[in-house]
């Protein structure tokens, strides 16, 4: 799960690994500092966001499994 969607922040190492071309383009243009985080999201915020993300993912997987069971079981009618 990519938590960038929740807080809009990505670690420098992760940015270089996943979006290397974009990082190189930013370096060439000299605008890396423009996109640097001025302050990071707090520990409590990260915990709540990650908790929400994992809860939503777990509910989605559980619902998928229940749908598969319902289709395989025939629904009783």
PDB file of N, CA and C in Angstrom:
ATOM      1  N   UNK A   1       0.846  -1.162   0.000  1.00  0.00           N
ATOM      2  CA  UNK A   1       0.000   0.000   0.000  1.00  0.00           C
ATOM      3  C   UNK A   1       0.903   1.239   0.000  1.00  0.00           C
ATOM      4  N   UNK A   2       0.611   2.169  -0.887  1.00  0.00           N
ATOM      5  CA  UNK A   2       1.418   3.375  -1.013  1.00  0.00           C
ATOM      6  C   UNK A   2       0.745   4.503  -0.244  1.00  0.00           C
ATOM      7  N   UNK A   3       1.366   4.946   0.836  1.00  0.00           N
ATOM      8  CA  UNK A   3       0.759   5.949   1.708  1.00  0.00           C
ATOM      9  C   UNK A   3       0.922   7.372   1.182  1.00  0.00           C
ATOM     10  N   UNK A   4       1.549   7.513   0.027  1.00  0.00           N
ATOM     11  CA  UNK A   4       1.662   8.834  -0.588  1.00  0.00           C
ATOM     12  C   UNK A   4       0.272   9.400  -0.877  1.00  0.00           C
ATOM     13  N   UNK A   5      -0.684   8.529  -1.152  1.00  0.00           N
ATOM     14  CA  UNK A   5      -2.037   9.011  -1.455  1.00  0.00           C
ATOM     15  C   UNK A   5      -2.677   9.680  -0.256  1.00  0.00           C
ATOM     16  N   UNK A   6      -2.220   9.367   0.942  1.00  0.00           N
ATOM     17  CA  UNK A   6      -2.820   9.952   2.139  1.00  0.00           C
ATOM     18  C   UNK A   6      -2.149  11.247   2.572  1.00  0.00           C
ATOM     19  N   UNK A   7      -0.816  11.303   2.503  1.00  0.00           N
ATOM     20  CA  UNK A   7      -0.137  12.499   3.014  1.00  0.00           C
ATOM     21  C   UNK A   7       0.665  13.255   1.960  1.00  0.00           C
ATOM     22  N   UNK A   8       0.748  12.736   0.754  1.00  0.00           N
ATOM     23  CA  UNK A   8       1.436  13.434  -0.322  1.00  0.00           C
ATOM     24  C   UNK A   8       2.944  13.495  -0.180  1.00  0.00           C
ATOM     25  N   UNK A   9       3.507  12.707   0.737  1.00  0.00           N
ATOM     26  CA  UNK A   9       4.944  12.731   0.974  1.00  0.00           C
ATOM     27  C   UNK A   9       5.562  11.395   0.601  1.00  0.00           C
ATOM     28  N   UNK A  10       6.785  11.475   0.082  1.00  0.00           N
ATOM     29  CA  UNK A  10       7.516  10.265  -0.279  1.00  0.00           C
ATOM     30  C   UNK A  10       8.972  10.467   0.131  1.00  0.00           C
ATOM     31  N   UNK A  11       9.585   9.427   0.644  1.00  0.00           N
ATOM     32  CA  UNK A  11      10.988   9.504   1.050  1.00  0.00           C
ATOM     33  C   UNK A  11      11.872   9.675  -0.185  1.00  0.00           C
ATOM     34  N   UNK A  12      12.983  10.368  -0.023  1.00  0.00           N
ATOM     35  CA  UNK A  12      13.904  10.624  -1.127  1.00  0.00           C
ATOM     36  C   UNK A  12      14.353   9.323  -1.781  1.00  0.00           C
ATOM     37  N   UNK A  13      14.726   8.337  -0.963  1.00  0.00           N
ATOM     38  CA  UNK A  13      15.197   7.057  -1.494  1.00  0.00           C
ATOM     39  C   UNK A  13      14.106   6.360  -2.297  1.00  0.00           C
ATOM     40  N   UNK A  14      12.879   6.419  -1.781  1.00  0.00           N
ATOM     41  CA  UNK A  14      11.750   5.787  -2.472  1.00  0.00           C
ATOM     42  C   UNK A  14      11.461   6.520  -3.781  1.00  0.00           C
ATOM     43  N   UNK A  15      11.552   7.834  -3.762  1.00  0.00           N
ATOM     44  CA  UNK A  15      11.335   8.637  -4.969  1.00  0.00           C
ATOM     45  C   UNK A  15      12.353   8.268  -6.037  1.00  0.00           C
ATOM     46  N   UNK A  16      13.620   8.158  -5.641  1.00  0.00           N
ATOM     47  CA  UNK A  16      14.674   7.823  -6.598  1.00  0.00           C
ATOM     48  C   UNK A  16      14.460   6.419  -7.155  1.00  0.00           C
ATOM     49  N   UNK A  17      14.083   5.480  -6.281  1.00  0.00           N
ATOM     50  CA  UNK A  17      13.893   4.096  -6.720  1.00  0.00           C
ATOM     51  C   UNK A  17      12.670   3.938  -7.625  1.00  0.00           C
ATOM     52  N   UNK A  18      11.546   4.537  -7.239  1.00  0.00           N
ATOM     53  CA  UNK A  18      10.297   4.319  -7.968  1.00  0.00           C
ATOM     54  C   UNK A  18      10.074   5.308  -9.111  1.00  0.00           C
ATOM     55  N   UNK A  19      10.599   6.504  -8.957  1.00  0.00           N
ATOM     56  CA  UNK A  19      10.358   7.550  -9.952  1.00  0.00           C
ATOM     57  C   UNK A  19      11.674   8.223 -10.326  1.00  0.00           C
ATOM     58  N   UNK A  20      12.648   7.390 -10.694  1.00  0.00           N
ATOM     59  CA  UNK A  20      13.995   7.863 -10.982  1.00  0.00           C
ATOM     60  C   UNK A  20      14.053   8.886 -12.101  1.00  0.00           C
ATOM     61  N   UNK A  21      13.284   8.673 -13.160  1.00  0.00           N
ATOM     62  CA  UNK A  21      13.301   9.617 -14.277  1.00  0.00           C
ATOM     63  C   UNK A  21      12.800  10.986 -13.851  1.00  0.00           C
ATOM     64  N   UNK A  22      11.752  10.993 -13.058  1.00  0.00           N
ATOM     65  CA  UNK A  22      11.207  12.254 -12.559  1.00  0.00           C
ATOM     66  C   UNK A  22      12.224  12.952 -11.659  1.00  0.00           C
ATOM     67  N   UNK A  23      12.911  12.185 -10.802  1.00  0.00           N
ATOM     68  CA  UNK A  23      13.929  12.754  -9.912  1.00  0.00           C
ATOM     69  C   UNK A  23      15.050  13.394 -10.735  1.00  0.00           C
ATOM     70  N   UNK A  24      15.517  12.686 -11.781  1.00  0.00           N
ATOM     71  CA  UNK A  24      16.579  13.223 -12.631  1.00  0.00           C
ATOM     72  C   UNK A  24      16.131  14.508 -13.319  1.00  0.00           C
ATOM     73  N   UNK A  25      14.885  14.527 -13.768  1.00  0.00           N
ATOM     74  CA  UNK A  25      14.351  15.720 -14.412  1.00  0.00           C
ATOM     75  C   UNK A  25      14.319  16.900 -13.445  1.00  0.00           C
ATOM     76  N   UNK A  26      13.900  16.632 -12.211  1.00  0.00           N
ATOM     77  CA  UNK A  26      13.882  17.680 -11.180  1.00  0.00           C
ATOM     78  C   UNK A  26      15.298  18.177 -10.883  1.00  0.00           C
ATOM     79  N   UNK A  27      16.284  17.245 -10.842  1.00  0.00           N
ATOM     80  CA  UNK A  27      17.678  17.630 -10.609  1.00  0.00           C
ATOM     81  C   UNK A  27      18.189  18.524 -11.728  1.00  0.00           C
ATOM     82  N   UNK A  28      17.898  18.122 -12.969  1.00  0.00           N
ATOM     83  CA  UNK A  28      18.354  18.893 -14.125  1.00  0.00           C
ATOM     84  C   UNK A  28      17.746  20.298 -14.129  1.00  0.00           C
ATOM     85  N   UNK A  29      16.504  20.392 -13.707  1.00  0.00           N
ATOM     86  CA  UNK A  29      15.814  21.684 -13.686  1.00  0.00           C
ATOM     87  C   UNK A  29      16.159  22.491 -12.434  1.00  0.00           C
ATOM     88  N   UNK A  30      16.815  21.847 -11.465  1.00  0.00           N
ATOM     89  CA  UNK A  30      17.214  22.520 -10.241  1.00  0.00           C
ATOM     90  C   UNK A  30      16.043  22.881  -9.340  1.00  0.00           C
ATOM     91  N   UNK A  31      15.011  22.033  -9.326  1.00  0.00           N
ATOM     92  CA  UNK A  31      13.806  22.352  -8.547  1.00  0.00           C
ATOM     93  C   UNK A  31      13.525  21.341  -7.443  1.00  0.00           C
ATOM     94  N   UNK A  32      14.523  20.560  -7.068  1.00  0.00           N
ATOM     95  CA  UNK A  32      14.319  19.546  -6.031  1.00  0.00           C
ATOM     96  C   UNK A  32      13.883  20.189  -4.720  1.00  0.00           C
ATOM     97  N   UNK A  33      14.541  21.263  -4.333  1.00  0.00           N
ATOM     98  CA  UNK A  33      14.219  21.917  -3.055  1.00  0.00           C
ATOM     99  C   UNK A  33      12.791  22.459  -3.038  1.00  0.00           C
ATOM    100  N   UNK A  34      12.270  22.776  -4.200  1.00  0.00           N
ATOM    101  CA  UNK A  34      10.897  23.286  -4.295  1.00  0.00           C
ATOM    102  C   UNK A  34       9.887  22.235  -3.818  1.00  0.00           C
ATOM    103  N   UNK A  35      10.221  20.964  -4.011  1.00  0.00           N
ATOM    104  CA  UNK A  35       9.310  19.886  -3.656  1.00  0.00           C
ATOM    105  C   UNK A  35       9.659  19.215  -2.333  1.00  0.00           C
ATOM    106  N   UNK A  36      10.703  19.672  -1.674  1.00  0.00           N
ATOM    107  CA  UNK A  36      11.095  19.097  -0.383  1.00  0.00           C
ATOM    108  C   UNK A  36      10.028  19.414   0.664  1.00  0.00           C
ATOM    109  N   UNK A  37       9.775  18.451   1.534  1.00  0.00           N
ATOM    110  CA  UNK A  37       8.773  18.638   2.595  1.00  0.00           C
ATOM    111  C   UNK A  37       9.312  19.613   3.629  1.00  0.00           C
ATOM    112  N   UNK A  38       8.523  20.601   3.932  1.00  0.00           N
ATOM    113  CA  UNK A  38       8.919  21.575   4.949  1.00  0.00           C
ATOM    114  C   UNK A  38       8.738  20.984   6.347  1.00  0.00           C
ATOM    115  N   UNK A  39       7.673  20.214   6.516  1.00  0.00           N
ATOM    116  CA  UNK A  39       7.480  19.491   7.780  1.00  0.00           C
ATOM    117  C   UNK A  39       6.797  18.172   7.454  1.00  0.00           C
ATOM    118  N   UNK A  40       7.173  17.164   8.183  1.00  0.00           N
ATOM    119  CA  UNK A  40       6.603  15.837   7.934  1.00  0.00           C
ATOM    120  C   UNK A  40       5.291  15.698   8.686  1.00  0.00           C
ATOM    121  N   UNK A  41       4.482  14.770   8.232  1.00  0.00           N
ATOM    122  CA  UNK A  41       3.247  14.496   8.962  1.00  0.00           C
ATOM    123  C   UNK A  41       3.626  13.841  10.290  1.00  0.00           C
ATOM    124  N   UNK A  42       2.815  14.041  11.302  1.00  0.00           N
ATOM    125  CA  UNK A  42       3.127  13.539  12.628  1.00  0.00           C
ATOM    126  C   UNK A  42       2.952  12.041  12.758  1.00  0.00           C
ATOM    127  N   UNK A  43       3.500  11.512  13.822  1.00  0.00           N
ATOM    128  CA  UNK A  43       3.436  10.076  14.086  1.00  0.00           C
ATOM    129  C   UNK A  43       1.979   9.637  14.284  1.00  0.00           C
ATOM    130  N   UNK A  44       1.213  10.432  15.019  1.00  0.00           N
ATOM    131  CA  UNK A  44      -0.190  10.081  15.271  1.00  0.00           C
ATOM    132  C   UNK A  44      -0.972  10.077  13.971  1.00  0.00           C
ATOM    133  N   UNK A  45      -0.746  11.103  13.125  1.00  0.00           N
ATOM    134  CA  UNK A  45      -1.428  11.181  11.833  1.00  0.00           C
ATOM    135  C   UNK A  45      -1.084   9.960  10.979  1.00  0.00           C
ATOM    136  N   UNK A  46       0.200   9.633  10.897  1.00  0.00           N
ATOM    137  CA  UNK A  46       0.624   8.467  10.114  1.00  0.00           C
ATOM    138  C   UNK A  46      -0.013   7.190  10.646  1.00  0.00           C
ATOM    139  N   UNK A  47      -0.064   7.041  11.957  1.00  0.00           N
ATOM    140  CA  UNK A  47      -0.668   5.850  12.559  1.00  0.00           C
ATOM    141  C   UNK A  47      -2.145   5.758  12.194  1.00  0.00           C
ATOM    142  N   UNK A  48      -2.870   6.868  12.294  1.00  0.00           N
ATOM    143  CA  UNK A  48      -4.300   6.869  11.976  1.00  0.00           C
ATOM    144  C   UNK A  48      -4.542   6.586  10.496  1.00  0.00           C
ATOM    145  N   UNK A  49      -3.746   7.192   9.637  1.00  0.00           N
ATOM    146  CA  UNK A  49      -3.909   6.993   8.197  1.00  0.00           C
ATOM    147  C   UNK A  49      -3.592   5.550   7.827  1.00  0.00           C
ATOM    148  N   UNK A  50      -2.516   5.012   8.380  1.00  0.00           N
ATOM    149  CA  UNK A  50      -2.164   3.623   8.088  1.00  0.00           C
ATOM    150  C   UNK A  50      -3.219   2.678   8.651  1.00  0.00           C
ATOM    151  N   UNK A  51      -3.726   2.988   9.829  1.00  0.00           N
ATOM    152  CA  UNK A  51      -4.801   2.187  10.410  1.00  0.00           C
ATOM    153  C   UNK A  51      -6.029   2.187   9.527  1.00  0.00           C
ATOM    154  N   UNK A  52      -6.400   3.363   9.019  1.00  0.00           N
ATOM    155  CA  UNK A  52      -7.542   3.462   8.108  1.00  0.00           C
ATOM    156  C   UNK A  52      -7.287   2.658   6.839  1.00  0.00           C
ATOM    157  N   UNK A  53      -6.099   2.800   6.271  1.00  0.00           N
ATOM    158  CA  UNK A  53      -5.767   2.089   5.037  1.00  0.00           C
ATOM    159  C   UNK A  53      -5.828   0.580   5.202  1.00  0.00           C
ATOM    160  N   UNK A  54      -5.238   0.073   6.269  1.00  0.00           N
ATOM    161  CA  UNK A  54      -5.254  -1.372   6.501  1.00  0.00           C
ATOM    162  C   UNK A  54      -6.667  -1.865   6.839  1.00  0.00           C
ATOM    163  N   UNK A  55      -7.443  -1.054   7.552  1.00  0.00           N
ATOM    164  CA  UNK A  55      -8.824  -1.427   7.853  1.00  0.00           C
ATOM    165  C   UNK A  55      -9.639  -1.521   6.570  1.00  0.00           C
ATOM    166  N   UNK A  56      -9.514  -0.523   5.701  1.00  0.00           N
ATOM    167  CA  UNK A  56     -10.239  -0.537   4.429  1.00  0.00           C
ATOM    168  C   UNK A  56      -9.818  -1.722   3.571  1.00  0.00           C
ATOM    169  N   UNK A  57      -8.523  -1.994   3.524  1.00  0.00           N
ATOM    170  CA  UNK A  57      -8.029  -3.143   2.764  1.00  0.00           C
ATOM    171  C   UNK A  57      -8.567  -4.457   3.327  1.00  0.00           C
ATOM    172  N   UNK A  58      -8.564  -4.591   4.640  1.00  0.00           N
ATOM    173  CA  UNK A  58      -9.064  -5.819   5.284  1.00  0.00           C
ATOM    174  C   UNK A  58     -10.549  -6.012   5.022  1.00  0.00           C
ATOM    175  N   UNK A  59     -11.319  -4.944   5.122  1.00  0.00           N
ATOM    176  CA  UNK A  59     -12.761  -5.039   4.850  1.00  0.00           C
ATOM    177  C   UNK A  59     -12.991  -5.439   3.397  1.00  0.00           C
ATOM    178  N   UNK A  60     -12.232  -4.845   2.480  1.00  0.00           N
ATOM    179  CA  UNK A  60     -12.372  -5.195   1.064  1.00  0.00           C
ATOM    180  C   UNK A  60     -12.063  -6.659   0.795  1.00  0.00           C
ATOM    181  N   UNK A  61     -11.004  -7.174   1.379  1.00  0.00           N
ATOM    182  CA  UNK A  61     -10.636  -8.581   1.188  1.00  0.00           C
ATOM    183  C   UNK A  61     -11.695  -9.492   1.803  1.00  0.00           C
ATOM    184  N   UNK A  62     -12.185  -9.134   2.996  1.00  0.00           N
ATOM    185  CA  UNK A  62     -13.219  -9.942   3.649  1.00  0.00           C
ATOM    186  C   UNK A  62     -14.486  -9.975   2.807  1.00  0.00           C
ATOM    187  N   UNK A  63     -14.885  -8.837   2.262  1.00  0.00           N
ATOM    188  CA  UNK A  63     -16.092  -8.799   1.420  1.00  0.00           C
ATOM    189  C   UNK A  63     -15.897  -9.617   0.148  1.00  0.00           C
ATOM    190  N   UNK A  64     -14.712  -9.553  -0.436  1.00  0.00           N
ATOM    191  CA  UNK A  64     -14.431 -10.355  -1.616  1.00  0.00           C
ATOM    192  C   UNK A  64     -14.547 -11.846  -1.301  1.00  0.00           C
ATOM    193  N   UNK A  65     -13.969 -12.264  -0.178  1.00  0.00           N
ATOM    194  CA  UNK A  65     -14.059 -13.675   0.214  1.00  0.00           C
ATOM    195  C   UNK A  65     -15.502 -14.095   0.468  1.00  0.00           C
ATOM    196  N   UNK A  66     -16.271 -13.227   1.108  1.00  0.00           N
ATOM    197  CA  UNK A  66     -17.683 -13.544   1.353  1.00  0.00           C
ATOM    198  C   UNK A  66     -18.470 -13.648   0.048  1.00  0.00           C
ATOM    199  N   UNK A  67     -18.169 -12.808  -0.926  1.00  0.00           N
ATOM    200  CA  UNK A  67     -18.843 -12.902  -2.229  1.00  0.00           C
ATOM    201  C   UNK A  67     -18.493 -14.201  -2.932  1.00  0.00           C
ATOM    202  N   UNK A  68     -17.232 -14.593  -2.862  1.00  0.00           N
ATOM    203  CA  UNK A  68     -16.811 -15.850  -3.488  1.00  0.00           C
ATOM    204  C   UNK A  68     -17.526 -17.018  -2.820  1.00  0.00           C
ATOM    205  N   UNK A  69     -17.589 -17.004  -1.492  1.00  0.00           N
ATOM    206  CA  UNK A  69     -18.313 -18.067  -0.772  1.00  0.00           C
ATOM    207  C   UNK A  69     -19.780 -18.108  -1.159  1.00  0.00           C
ATOM    208  N   UNK A  70     -20.401 -16.942  -1.308  1.00  0.00           N
ATOM    209  CA  UNK A  70     -21.808 -16.891  -1.688  1.00  0.00           C
ATOM    210  C   UNK A  70     -22.023 -17.459  -3.083  1.00  0.00           C
ATOM    211  N   UNK A  71     -21.143 -17.122  -4.023  1.00  0.00           N
ATOM    212  CA  UNK A  71     -21.274 -17.653  -5.377  1.00  0.00           C
ATOM    213  C   UNK A  71     -21.046 -19.154  -5.410  1.00  0.00           C
ATOM    214  N   UNK A  72     -20.074 -19.640  -4.647  1.00  0.00           N
ATOM    215  CA  UNK A  72     -19.779 -21.068  -4.634  1.00  0.00           C
ATOM    216  C   UNK A  72     -20.870 -21.850  -3.909  1.00  0.00           C
ATOM    217  N   UNK A  73     -21.456 -21.253  -2.892  1.00  0.00           N
ATOM    218  CA  UNK A  73     -22.486 -21.931  -2.099  1.00  0.00           C
ATOM    219  C   UNK A  73     -23.846 -21.929  -2.765  1.00  0.00           C
ATOM    220  N   UNK A  74     -24.050 -21.105  -3.741  1.00  0.00           N
ATOM    221  CA  UNK A  74     -25.321 -21.094  -4.463  1.00  0.00           C
ATOM    222  C   UNK A  74     -26.365 -20.225  -3.817  1.00  0.00           C
ATOM    223  N   UNK A  75     -26.168 -19.688  -2.676  1.00  0.00           N
ATOM    224  CA  UNK A  75     -27.102 -18.763  -2.056  1.00  0.00           C
ATOM    225  C   UNK A  75     -28.327 -19.416  -1.457  1.00  0.00           C
ATOM    226  N   UNK A  76     -28.499 -20.696  -1.541  1.00  0.00           N
ATOM    227  CA  UNK A  76     -29.608 -21.378  -0.897  1.00  0.00           C
ATOM    228  C   UNK A  76     -30.920 -21.422  -1.686  1.00  0.00           C
ATOM    229  N   UNK A  77     -31.001 -20.778  -2.831  1.00  0.00           N
ATOM    230  CA  UNK A  77     -32.253 -20.812  -3.612  1.00  0.00           C
ATOM    231  C   UNK A  77     -32.031 -21.458  -4.927  1.00  0.00           C
TER     232      UNK A  77
END
